[in-house]
N, C-alpha and C. Protein backbone atom coordinates (compact mmCIF):
# COMPACT_ATOMS: atom_id res chain seq x y z
N MET A 1 -2.72 -46.36 14.23
CA MET A 1 -3.65 -47.36 13.76
C MET A 1 -4.10 -46.97 12.35
N PRO A 2 -3.88 -47.80 11.35
CA PRO A 2 -4.21 -47.43 9.98
C PRO A 2 -5.71 -47.45 9.69
N CYS A 3 -6.52 -48.02 10.55
CA CYS A 3 -7.96 -48.11 10.29
C CYS A 3 -8.70 -46.93 10.89
N PHE A 4 -8.11 -45.75 10.82
CA PHE A 4 -8.69 -44.57 11.41
C PHE A 4 -9.96 -44.12 10.69
N ASN A 5 -10.21 -44.63 9.49
CA ASN A 5 -11.36 -44.21 8.71
C ASN A 5 -12.57 -45.12 8.93
N TRP A 6 -12.55 -45.96 9.97
CA TRP A 6 -13.65 -46.83 10.33
C TRP A 6 -14.01 -47.81 9.20
N GLY A 7 -13.03 -48.25 8.46
CA GLY A 7 -13.26 -49.21 7.39
C GLY A 7 -11.97 -49.87 6.99
N ASP A 8 -12.04 -50.68 5.94
CA ASP A 8 -10.86 -51.38 5.45
C ASP A 8 -9.87 -50.42 4.80
N VAL A 9 -8.59 -50.76 4.89
CA VAL A 9 -7.54 -49.99 4.23
C VAL A 9 -6.89 -50.89 3.20
N ASP A 10 -6.92 -50.48 1.92
CA ASP A 10 -6.39 -51.28 0.82
C ASP A 10 -5.03 -50.77 0.39
N TYR A 11 -4.13 -51.71 0.10
CA TYR A 11 -2.83 -51.42 -0.50
C TYR A 11 -2.78 -52.18 -1.83
N PRO A 12 -3.05 -51.50 -2.95
CA PRO A 12 -3.02 -52.21 -4.23
C PRO A 12 -1.59 -52.61 -4.62
N ILE A 13 -1.48 -53.75 -5.30
CA ILE A 13 -0.19 -54.27 -5.74
C ILE A 13 -0.19 -54.26 -7.28
N TYR A 14 0.83 -53.62 -7.86
CA TYR A 14 0.94 -53.51 -9.31
C TYR A 14 2.17 -54.25 -9.81
N SER A 15 2.08 -54.77 -11.01
CA SER A 15 3.21 -55.45 -11.63
C SER A 15 4.27 -54.44 -12.03
N ALA A 16 5.53 -54.77 -11.78
CA ALA A 16 6.62 -53.88 -12.17
C ALA A 16 6.88 -53.92 -13.67
N LEU A 17 6.46 -54.98 -14.33
CA LEU A 17 6.71 -55.11 -15.76
C LEU A 17 5.77 -54.28 -16.61
N ASP A 18 4.47 -54.39 -16.37
CA ASP A 18 3.53 -53.68 -17.23
C ASP A 18 2.61 -52.72 -16.47
N GLY A 19 2.76 -52.59 -15.16
CA GLY A 19 1.98 -51.67 -14.38
C GLY A 19 0.54 -52.11 -14.15
N GLN A 20 0.22 -53.34 -14.49
CA GLN A 20 -1.14 -53.85 -14.33
C GLN A 20 -1.37 -54.27 -12.87
N ARG A 21 -2.59 -54.01 -12.39
CA ARG A 21 -2.91 -54.37 -11.01
C ARG A 21 -2.99 -55.89 -10.89
N MET A 22 -2.25 -56.44 -9.90
CA MET A 22 -2.21 -57.89 -9.77
C MET A 22 -2.76 -58.38 -8.43
N GLY A 23 -3.17 -57.50 -7.58
CA GLY A 23 -3.75 -57.92 -6.30
C GLY A 23 -3.81 -56.76 -5.33
N LYS A 24 -4.15 -57.10 -4.08
CA LYS A 24 -4.19 -56.07 -3.04
C LYS A 24 -4.02 -56.74 -1.69
N ILE A 25 -3.49 -55.96 -0.76
CA ILE A 25 -3.39 -56.34 0.63
C ILE A 25 -4.33 -55.42 1.40
N THR A 26 -5.19 -55.99 2.22
CA THR A 26 -6.20 -55.23 2.92
C THR A 26 -6.06 -55.41 4.42
N ILE A 27 -6.04 -54.30 5.16
CA ILE A 27 -6.18 -54.35 6.61
C ILE A 27 -7.66 -54.23 6.86
N GLN A 28 -8.25 -55.27 7.42
CA GLN A 28 -9.71 -55.37 7.52
C GLN A 28 -10.19 -54.80 8.87
N TRP A 29 -11.19 -53.97 8.80
CA TRP A 29 -11.80 -53.37 9.98
C TRP A 29 -12.58 -54.46 10.71
N SER A 30 -12.35 -54.62 12.01
CA SER A 30 -13.02 -55.68 12.75
C SER A 30 -14.04 -55.17 13.76
N GLY A 31 -14.38 -53.92 13.70
CA GLY A 31 -15.38 -53.36 14.58
C GLY A 31 -14.76 -52.52 15.69
N LEU A 32 -15.50 -51.56 16.16
CA LEU A 32 -14.98 -50.61 17.14
C LEU A 32 -14.55 -51.28 18.43
N GLY A 33 -15.35 -52.19 18.95
CA GLY A 33 -15.01 -52.84 20.22
C GLY A 33 -13.71 -53.62 20.13
N ARG A 34 -13.55 -54.41 19.08
CA ARG A 34 -12.34 -55.21 18.94
C ARG A 34 -11.12 -54.34 18.63
N GLU A 35 -11.29 -53.33 17.82
CA GLU A 35 -10.17 -52.44 17.50
C GLU A 35 -9.72 -51.66 18.74
N TRP A 36 -10.67 -51.28 19.59
CA TRP A 36 -10.35 -50.49 20.76
C TRP A 36 -9.77 -51.32 21.90
N MET A 37 -10.26 -52.55 22.05
CA MET A 37 -9.90 -53.37 23.20
C MET A 37 -8.70 -54.29 22.97
N THR A 38 -8.31 -54.54 21.72
CA THR A 38 -7.23 -55.48 21.45
C THR A 38 -6.20 -54.86 20.50
N ASP A 39 -5.05 -55.52 20.41
CA ASP A 39 -4.03 -55.12 19.44
C ASP A 39 -4.08 -56.01 18.20
N ALA A 40 -5.07 -56.88 18.10
CA ALA A 40 -5.15 -57.82 16.98
C ALA A 40 -5.59 -57.09 15.72
N ASN A 41 -5.06 -57.53 14.58
CA ASN A 41 -5.43 -57.00 13.27
C ASN A 41 -5.76 -58.16 12.34
N HIS A 42 -6.62 -57.89 11.36
CA HIS A 42 -6.98 -58.89 10.36
C HIS A 42 -6.52 -58.39 8.99
N PHE A 43 -5.83 -59.26 8.26
CA PHE A 43 -5.32 -58.91 6.95
C PHE A 43 -5.91 -59.84 5.90
N GLY A 44 -6.06 -59.33 4.70
CA GLY A 44 -6.48 -60.15 3.57
C GLY A 44 -5.56 -59.89 2.40
N ILE A 45 -5.23 -60.94 1.68
CA ILE A 45 -4.42 -60.81 0.46
C ILE A 45 -5.23 -61.35 -0.69
N THR A 46 -5.39 -60.55 -1.74
CA THR A 46 -6.15 -60.95 -2.91
C THR A 46 -5.21 -60.97 -4.12
N PHE A 47 -5.23 -62.08 -4.86
CA PHE A 47 -4.41 -62.20 -6.07
C PHE A 47 -5.06 -63.23 -6.99
N PRO A 48 -4.70 -63.21 -8.27
CA PRO A 48 -5.27 -64.18 -9.21
C PRO A 48 -4.82 -65.60 -8.86
N ALA A 49 -5.69 -66.57 -9.08
CA ALA A 49 -5.38 -67.97 -8.77
C ALA A 49 -4.24 -68.51 -9.64
N GLU A 50 -4.09 -67.98 -10.84
CA GLU A 50 -3.05 -68.50 -11.75
C GLU A 50 -1.68 -67.87 -11.52
N LEU A 51 -1.57 -67.01 -10.52
CA LEU A 51 -0.28 -66.39 -10.20
C LEU A 51 0.71 -67.47 -9.73
N ASP A 52 1.97 -67.37 -10.18
CA ASP A 52 2.94 -68.40 -9.81
C ASP A 52 3.30 -68.33 -8.33
N VAL A 53 3.74 -69.45 -7.80
CA VAL A 53 3.98 -69.61 -6.36
C VAL A 53 5.03 -68.62 -5.84
N PRO A 54 6.16 -68.39 -6.50
CA PRO A 54 7.11 -67.41 -5.97
C PRO A 54 6.52 -66.00 -5.82
N MET A 55 5.64 -65.61 -6.73
CA MET A 55 5.03 -64.29 -6.63
C MET A 55 4.01 -64.24 -5.48
N LYS A 56 3.33 -65.35 -5.23
CA LYS A 56 2.43 -65.42 -4.07
C LYS A 56 3.24 -65.27 -2.78
N ALA A 57 4.42 -65.86 -2.73
CA ALA A 57 5.28 -65.74 -1.56
C ALA A 57 5.75 -64.29 -1.40
N VAL A 58 6.00 -63.60 -2.49
CA VAL A 58 6.40 -62.18 -2.42
C VAL A 58 5.26 -61.35 -1.84
N LEU A 59 4.02 -61.64 -2.24
CA LEU A 59 2.88 -60.92 -1.68
C LEU A 59 2.73 -61.15 -0.19
N MET A 60 2.96 -62.40 0.26
CA MET A 60 2.92 -62.69 1.69
C MET A 60 4.01 -61.89 2.42
N GLY A 61 5.21 -61.85 1.84
CA GLY A 61 6.29 -61.07 2.43
C GLY A 61 5.96 -59.59 2.50
N ALA A 62 5.30 -59.08 1.46
CA ALA A 62 4.90 -57.67 1.45
C ALA A 62 3.90 -57.38 2.58
N CYS A 63 3.03 -58.33 2.85
CA CYS A 63 2.09 -58.17 3.95
C CYS A 63 2.84 -58.06 5.29
N PHE A 64 3.84 -58.92 5.47
CA PHE A 64 4.63 -58.87 6.71
C PHE A 64 5.39 -57.53 6.81
N LEU A 65 5.88 -57.02 5.68
CA LEU A 65 6.58 -55.74 5.69
C LEU A 65 5.66 -54.59 6.04
N ILE A 66 4.43 -54.64 5.56
CA ILE A 66 3.45 -53.59 5.91
C ILE A 66 3.18 -53.62 7.40
N VAL A 67 3.03 -54.81 7.95
CA VAL A 67 2.78 -54.95 9.40
C VAL A 67 3.94 -54.36 10.19
N SER A 68 5.17 -54.70 9.81
CA SER A 68 6.32 -54.21 10.57
C SER A 68 6.56 -52.71 10.35
N ALA A 69 6.31 -52.21 9.16
CA ALA A 69 6.53 -50.79 8.87
C ALA A 69 5.51 -49.92 9.60
N LEU A 70 4.27 -50.38 9.72
CA LEU A 70 3.25 -49.60 10.39
C LEU A 70 3.26 -49.78 11.90
N GLY A 71 4.04 -50.73 12.37
CA GLY A 71 4.10 -50.97 13.81
C GLY A 71 2.87 -51.62 14.35
N LEU A 72 2.23 -52.48 13.54
CA LEU A 72 1.00 -53.13 14.00
C LEU A 72 1.39 -54.33 14.77
């Protein structure tokens, strides 16, 4: 379980072109009872509103990859 620190876990996303931070994917802590009793997880994706649609789709895909890689 990646939320072992009793809080949110952030995965920052950086641009490959200039190395500038362009967003983050967060596994959100939902409380001890819910984390202990269920297998459900809450994710958040943060990115600039002016980001083009294909790049937003890439960020969504990255979120799915994190879920599958961590076995959540």
